[in-house]
Structure formats: structure tokens, C-alpha cells
Amino acid sequence: MFDDALKDMVTSISGGQAAVVMGFDGIPVSMFASDEEQDIETIGMEFSVLLREVKKASEMLESGQMEEVTVRTEKMSTILRVINKEYFVAMVIVPGGNLGKTRYALRVLAPKLNVELS
């Protein structure tokens, strides 16, 4: 289910490059990349460190559960959506890609992935 869902999401969104379902420990569950040069596993592993730190900060600030983090750089945007306490889903899009549709797709997909991971 994960592979097909990630592939469908990446290929249906303008600018979609790659997606991954990964544990906060940096271990991937499933991934898809439309371009072999896009190393989504490394991207996910590196951003899992960032997510753990944001999660700690939100807990210290008592601001509620972390839901989503977006990192925009010159060459890509990475949108990371929390699935549950152990997993997140992330998608990479090119600059000018449909960021809004990506955020929506991840928000809809996360609960479905949570059911499968439980």
C-alpha cells in the first residue's frame, strides 16, 4: 500500500520528485523517487534529526503536537507530515511545484498510513 500511495502522490502533483515514509529513527519504511538522482532516503534521514529537535522544542514550549514542517531551499521544498509518534511522511517538490496540493495530499494521506502502521 505504501509504495503505490507514494508513487501516486508524487506523480500526480506538479513538481513532485520523491516521497518517503520513515521512522523518527531515520529508518525508511517505503519510498518512491521519480528521478534516480533524488536520494529521498538520505533526505528523510537528515530531516528526521530536524523533526526530533522541532518535536522537543514544541514539547518544551507546550505548544501542542507537531503536525507539519516545511523546508524550502534554492533547489527543493521538503514537506514533512507527522503520521504518529513513531513515523512521518515527507515529499520533495521542485521550486515552483504545487506546494499547497502537496500539503493537502500529505494531510489526507497521513491518517491512512497511520491505520496501516498500527
N, C-alpha and C. Protein backbone atom coordinates (compact mmCIF):
# COMPACT_ATOMS: atom_id res chain seq x y z
N MET A 1 0.81 -1.19 0.00
CA MET A 1 0.00 0.00 0.00
C MET A 1 0.86 1.25 0.00
N PHE A 2 1.94 1.28 0.79
CA PHE A 2 2.77 2.47 0.90
C PHE A 2 3.40 2.85 -0.44
N ASP A 3 3.99 1.87 -1.13
CA ASP A 3 4.68 2.17 -2.39
C ASP A 3 3.74 2.80 -3.41
N ASP A 4 2.56 2.21 -3.58
CA ASP A 4 1.59 2.74 -4.55
C ASP A 4 1.10 4.12 -4.15
N ALA A 5 0.84 4.32 -2.86
CA ALA A 5 0.34 5.62 -2.39
C ALA A 5 1.38 6.71 -2.61
N LEU A 6 2.64 6.41 -2.33
CA LEU A 6 3.69 7.41 -2.53
C LEU A 6 3.89 7.71 -4.01
N LYS A 7 3.90 6.67 -4.83
CA LYS A 7 4.05 6.86 -6.27
C LYS A 7 2.91 7.68 -6.83
N ASP A 8 1.68 7.36 -6.46
CA ASP A 8 0.52 8.11 -6.94
C ASP A 8 0.61 9.58 -6.54
N MET A 9 1.01 9.83 -5.31
CA MET A 9 1.09 11.21 -4.83
C MET A 9 2.17 11.99 -5.60
N VAL A 10 3.34 11.41 -5.73
CA VAL A 10 4.45 12.10 -6.39
C VAL A 10 4.13 12.38 -7.86
N THR A 11 3.57 11.40 -8.54
CA THR A 11 3.32 11.56 -9.97
C THR A 11 2.10 12.42 -10.28
N SER A 12 1.23 12.61 -9.31
CA SER A 12 0.01 13.39 -9.58
C SER A 12 0.14 14.87 -9.20
N ILE A 13 1.24 15.25 -8.57
CA ILE A 13 1.42 16.64 -8.12
C ILE A 13 2.50 17.31 -8.96
N SER A 14 2.17 18.46 -9.49
CA SER A 14 3.10 19.22 -10.30
C SER A 14 4.37 19.53 -9.50
N GLY A 15 5.50 19.11 -10.03
CA GLY A 15 6.77 19.35 -9.36
C GLY A 15 7.19 18.25 -8.41
N GLY A 16 6.35 17.22 -8.25
CA GLY A 16 6.67 16.13 -7.34
C GLY A 16 7.92 15.38 -7.78
N GLN A 17 8.81 15.13 -6.83
CA GLN A 17 10.06 14.44 -7.12
C GLN A 17 10.21 13.11 -6.39
N ALA A 18 9.86 13.10 -5.10
CA ALA A 18 10.08 11.90 -4.31
C ALA A 18 9.30 11.98 -3.01
N ALA A 19 9.06 10.82 -2.41
CA ALA A 19 8.36 10.77 -1.12
C ALA A 19 8.88 9.57 -0.33
N VAL A 20 8.76 9.67 1.00
CA VAL A 20 9.22 8.60 1.87
C VAL A 20 8.34 8.53 3.11
N VAL A 21 8.11 7.31 3.58
CA VAL A 21 7.54 7.06 4.90
C VAL A 21 8.71 6.56 5.73
N MET A 22 8.95 7.25 6.86
CA MET A 22 10.15 6.96 7.63
C MET A 22 9.87 7.07 9.11
N GLY A 23 10.62 6.30 9.88
CA GLY A 23 10.55 6.42 11.33
C GLY A 23 11.37 7.61 11.79
N PHE A 24 11.03 8.14 12.95
CA PHE A 24 11.81 9.24 13.52
C PHE A 24 13.24 8.80 13.80
N ASP A 25 13.48 7.49 13.80
CA ASP A 25 14.82 6.96 13.99
C ASP A 25 15.64 6.98 12.70
N GLY A 26 15.03 7.42 11.59
CA GLY A 26 15.74 7.52 10.32
C GLY A 26 15.69 6.26 9.47
N ILE A 27 14.91 5.28 9.88
CA ILE A 27 14.80 4.04 9.11
C ILE A 27 13.59 4.14 8.18
N PRO A 28 13.80 4.01 6.85
CA PRO A 28 12.69 4.13 5.91
C PRO A 28 11.79 2.90 5.91
N VAL A 29 10.50 3.14 5.75
CA VAL A 29 9.51 2.07 5.61
C VAL A 29 9.23 1.84 4.14
N SER A 30 9.10 2.93 3.41
CA SER A 30 8.79 2.88 1.98
C SER A 30 9.22 4.19 1.35
N MET A 31 9.60 4.14 0.06
CA MET A 31 9.98 5.35 -0.62
C MET A 31 9.76 5.22 -2.12
N PHE A 32 9.60 6.37 -2.76
CA PHE A 32 9.47 6.43 -4.21
C PHE A 32 10.14 7.70 -4.71
N ALA A 33 10.92 7.59 -5.78
CA ALA A 33 11.53 8.75 -6.41
C ALA A 33 11.31 8.67 -7.91
N SER A 34 10.85 9.78 -8.49
CA SER A 34 10.62 9.80 -9.94
C SER A 34 11.93 9.96 -10.70
N ASP A 35 12.97 10.36 -10.00
CA ASP A 35 14.28 10.57 -10.59
C ASP A 35 15.30 9.84 -9.73
N GLU A 36 16.08 8.98 -10.34
CA GLU A 36 17.05 8.19 -9.58
C GLU A 36 18.09 9.05 -8.87
N GLU A 37 18.30 10.27 -9.34
CA GLU A 37 19.27 11.15 -8.70
C GLU A 37 18.76 11.73 -7.38
N GLN A 38 17.45 11.66 -7.16
CA GLN A 38 16.86 12.20 -5.94
C GLN A 38 17.02 11.17 -4.83
N ASP A 39 17.89 11.43 -3.88
CA ASP A 39 18.19 10.48 -2.80
C ASP A 39 17.24 10.74 -1.63
N ILE A 40 16.01 10.28 -1.77
CA ILE A 40 14.98 10.55 -0.77
C ILE A 40 15.30 9.87 0.56
N GLU A 41 16.00 8.77 0.54
CA GLU A 41 16.35 8.11 1.80
C GLU A 41 17.26 9.00 2.64
N THR A 42 18.28 9.58 2.03
CA THR A 42 19.19 10.47 2.75
C THR A 42 18.47 11.73 3.19
N ILE A 43 17.64 12.28 2.33
CA ILE A 43 16.86 13.47 2.69
C ILE A 43 16.02 13.17 3.93
N GLY A 44 15.31 12.05 3.92
CA GLY A 44 14.48 11.67 5.06
C GLY A 44 15.28 11.47 6.32
N MET A 45 16.43 10.80 6.20
CA MET A 45 17.27 10.56 7.38
C MET A 45 17.76 11.87 7.97
N GLU A 46 18.21 12.78 7.13
CA GLU A 46 18.73 14.06 7.63
C GLU A 46 17.62 14.89 8.27
N PHE A 47 16.44 14.92 7.64
CA PHE A 47 15.35 15.71 8.19
C PHE A 47 14.70 15.05 9.40
N SER A 48 14.92 13.75 9.60
CA SER A 48 14.39 13.12 10.82
C SER A 48 15.06 13.72 12.05
N VAL A 49 16.33 14.10 11.91
CA VAL A 49 17.04 14.77 13.00
C VAL A 49 16.38 16.11 13.30
N LEU A 50 16.07 16.87 12.26
CA LEU A 50 15.39 18.15 12.42
C LEU A 50 14.03 17.98 13.08
N LEU A 51 13.28 16.99 12.64
CA LEU A 51 11.95 16.75 13.22
C LEU A 51 12.02 16.41 14.70
N ARG A 52 13.00 15.62 15.08
CA ARG A 52 13.15 15.29 16.50
C ARG A 52 13.40 16.56 17.32
N GLU A 53 14.21 17.47 16.80
CA GLU A 53 14.50 18.71 17.50
C GLU A 53 13.28 19.63 17.56
N VAL A 54 12.53 19.72 16.47
CA VAL A 54 11.31 20.53 16.46
C VAL A 54 10.30 19.93 17.43
N LYS A 55 10.23 18.62 17.46
CA LYS A 55 9.31 17.94 18.38
C LYS A 55 9.67 18.28 19.84
N LYS A 56 10.97 18.23 20.17
CA LYS A 56 11.41 18.58 21.53
C LYS A 56 11.06 20.02 21.86
N ALA A 57 11.31 20.92 20.91
CA ALA A 57 11.03 22.34 21.13
C ALA A 57 9.55 22.57 21.36
N SER A 58 8.69 21.93 20.57
CA SER A 58 7.24 22.13 20.74
C SER A 58 6.77 21.58 22.08
N GLU A 59 7.39 20.50 22.54
CA GLU A 59 7.04 19.96 23.86
C GLU A 59 7.50 20.89 24.97
N MET A 60 8.71 21.44 24.85
CA MET A 60 9.22 22.36 25.86
C MET A 60 8.38 23.64 25.93
N LEU A 61 7.92 24.08 24.79
CA LEU A 61 7.09 25.29 24.73
C LEU A 61 5.62 25.03 25.03
N GLU A 62 5.30 23.74 25.20
CA GLU A 62 3.92 23.31 25.45
C GLU A 62 2.97 23.89 24.40
N SER A 63 3.42 23.81 23.13
CA SER A 63 2.64 24.37 22.03
C SER A 63 1.77 23.33 21.33
N GLY A 64 1.74 22.13 21.85
CA GLY A 64 0.93 21.07 21.25
C GLY A 64 1.76 20.17 20.35
N GLN A 65 1.09 19.18 19.78
CA GLN A 65 1.75 18.20 18.93
C GLN A 65 2.25 18.84 17.63
N MET A 66 3.44 18.47 17.22
CA MET A 66 3.96 18.89 15.93
C MET A 66 3.15 18.18 14.85
N GLU A 67 2.76 18.89 13.81
CA GLU A 67 1.98 18.30 12.73
C GLU A 67 2.74 18.30 11.41
N GLU A 68 3.39 19.43 11.08
CA GLU A 68 3.99 19.57 9.76
C GLU A 68 5.16 20.54 9.81
N VAL A 69 6.17 20.25 9.01
CA VAL A 69 7.32 21.13 8.87
C VAL A 69 7.62 21.24 7.38
N THR A 70 7.87 22.45 6.91
CA THR A 70 8.25 22.67 5.52
C THR A 70 9.62 23.32 5.49
N VAL A 71 10.51 22.76 4.67
CA VAL A 71 11.84 23.31 4.50
C VAL A 71 11.99 23.67 3.02
N ARG A 72 12.18 24.97 2.76
CA ARG A 72 12.33 25.44 1.38
C ARG A 72 13.78 25.89 1.18
N THR A 73 14.39 25.34 0.15
CA THR A 73 15.74 25.73 -0.21
C THR A 73 15.74 26.17 -1.68
N GLU A 74 16.89 26.58 -2.13
CA GLU A 74 17.01 27.05 -3.51
C GLU A 74 16.62 25.98 -4.53
N LYS A 75 16.93 24.72 -4.22
CA LYS A 75 16.74 23.65 -5.21
C LYS A 75 15.54 22.75 -4.95
N MET A 76 14.92 22.85 -3.77
CA MET A 76 13.77 21.97 -3.49
C MET A 76 13.01 22.46 -2.27
N SER A 77 11.79 21.98 -2.17
CA SER A 77 10.99 22.14 -0.95
C SER A 77 10.69 20.75 -0.43
N THR A 78 10.83 20.57 0.87
CA THR A 78 10.53 19.29 1.50
C THR A 78 9.45 19.53 2.54
N ILE A 79 8.34 18.81 2.39
CA ILE A 79 7.23 18.94 3.31
C ILE A 79 7.18 17.65 4.11
N LEU A 80 7.22 17.77 5.43
CA LEU A 80 7.24 16.62 6.32
C LEU A 80 5.98 16.65 7.17
N ARG A 81 5.24 15.56 7.17
CA ARG A 81 3.97 15.47 7.92
C ARG A 81 4.07 14.31 8.90
N VAL A 82 3.76 14.57 10.16
CA VAL A 82 3.79 13.53 11.19
C VAL A 82 2.61 12.58 10.98
N ILE A 83 2.90 11.28 11.03
CA ILE A 83 1.86 10.25 10.95
C ILE A 83 1.40 9.88 12.35
N ASN A 84 2.37 9.58 13.21
CA ASN A 84 2.11 9.25 14.61
C ASN A 84 3.40 9.49 15.40
N LYS A 85 3.48 8.99 16.61
CA LYS A 85 4.65 9.25 17.46
C LYS A 85 5.94 8.63 16.92
N GLU A 86 5.81 7.66 16.02
CA GLU A 86 6.99 6.96 15.53
C GLU A 86 7.35 7.23 14.09
N TYR A 87 6.40 7.71 13.28
CA TYR A 87 6.61 7.82 11.84
C TYR A 87 6.18 9.17 11.27
N PHE A 88 6.80 9.51 10.13
CA PHE A 88 6.40 10.68 9.37
C PHE A 88 6.45 10.35 7.88
N VAL A 89 5.80 11.18 7.09
CA VAL A 89 5.85 11.05 5.64
C VAL A 89 6.39 12.37 5.11
N ALA A 90 7.24 12.30 4.11
CA ALA A 90 7.84 13.51 3.54
C ALA A 90 7.77 13.45 2.03
N MET A 91 7.63 14.62 1.41
CA MET A 91 7.64 14.71 -0.04
C MET A 91 8.51 15.87 -0.47
N VAL A 92 9.25 15.66 -1.54
CA VAL A 92 10.12 16.67 -2.11
C VAL A 92 9.51 17.14 -3.42
N ILE A 93 9.45 18.48 -3.59
CA ILE A 93 9.00 19.06 -4.84
C ILE A 93 10.03 20.10 -5.30
N VAL A 94 10.04 20.36 -6.60
CA VAL A 94 10.95 21.35 -7.16
C VAL A 94 10.40 22.75 -6.88
N PRO A 95 11.29 23.76 -6.92
CA PRO A 95 10.80 25.13 -6.77
C PRO A 95 9.72 25.41 -7.83
N GLY A 96 8.66 26.04 -7.42
CA GLY A 96 7.55 26.30 -8.34
C GLY A 96 6.55 25.17 -8.41
N GLY A 97 6.85 24.05 -7.74
CA GLY A 97 5.90 22.93 -7.68
C GLY A 97 4.70 23.32 -6.84
N ASN A 98 3.68 22.51 -6.88
CA ASN A 98 2.43 22.83 -6.20
C ASN A 98 2.52 22.50 -4.71
N LEU A 99 3.00 23.46 -3.95
CA LEU A 99 3.19 23.30 -2.51
C LEU A 99 1.86 23.07 -1.78
N GLY A 100 0.83 23.81 -2.15
CA GLY A 100 -0.47 23.68 -1.50
C GLY A 100 -1.07 22.30 -1.69
N LYS A 101 -1.02 21.80 -2.91
CA LYS A 101 -1.56 20.46 -3.19
C LYS A 101 -0.74 19.39 -2.46
N THR A 102 0.56 19.61 -2.37
CA THR A 102 1.42 18.67 -1.65
C THR A 102 1.03 18.61 -0.18
N ARG A 103 0.86 19.77 0.43
CA ARG A 103 0.47 19.83 1.85
C ARG A 103 -0.89 19.14 2.06
N TYR A 104 -1.81 19.40 1.17
CA TYR A 104 -3.14 18.78 1.27
C TYR A 104 -3.02 17.26 1.12
N ALA A 105 -2.29 16.80 0.12
CA ALA A 105 -2.14 15.36 -0.11
C ALA A 105 -1.53 14.66 1.10
N LEU A 106 -0.52 15.28 1.71
CA LEU A 106 0.10 14.69 2.89
C LEU A 106 -0.86 14.66 4.07
N ARG A 107 -1.65 15.74 4.23
CA ARG A 107 -2.62 15.79 5.33
C ARG A 107 -3.67 14.70 5.18
N VAL A 108 -4.08 14.40 3.96
CA VAL A 108 -5.07 13.35 3.71
C VAL A 108 -4.44 11.96 3.84
N LEU A 109 -3.22 11.82 3.36
CA LEU A 109 -2.56 10.51 3.35
C LEU A 109 -2.12 10.05 4.75
N ALA A 110 -1.69 10.96 5.60
CA ALA A 110 -1.13 10.59 6.91
C ALA A 110 -2.06 9.70 7.74
N PRO A 111 -3.36 10.02 7.87
CA PRO A 111 -4.22 9.14 8.67
C PRO A 111 -4.37 7.73 8.06
N LYS A 112 -4.36 7.66 6.75
CA LYS A 112 -4.45 6.35 6.08
C LYS A 112 -3.19 5.52 6.36
N LEU A 113 -2.05 6.18 6.31
CA LEU A 113 -0.79 5.48 6.63
C LEU A 113 -0.76 5.05 8.08
N ASN A 114 -1.31 5.88 8.96
CA ASN A 114 -1.36 5.55 10.38
C ASN A 114 -2.13 4.26 10.63
N VAL A 115 -3.24 4.09 9.92
CA VAL A 115 -4.04 2.86 10.06
C VAL A 115 -3.20 1.66 9.64
N GLU A 116 -2.48 1.79 8.54
CA GLU A 116 -1.66 0.68 8.04
C GLU A 116 -0.47 0.37 8.97
N LEU A 117 0.05 1.40 9.62
CA LEU A 117 1.20 1.21 10.51
C LEU A 117 0.81 0.67 11.88
N SER A 118 -0.47 0.77 12.23
CA SER A 118 -0.93 0.34 13.56
C SER A 118 -1.13 -1.16 13.63
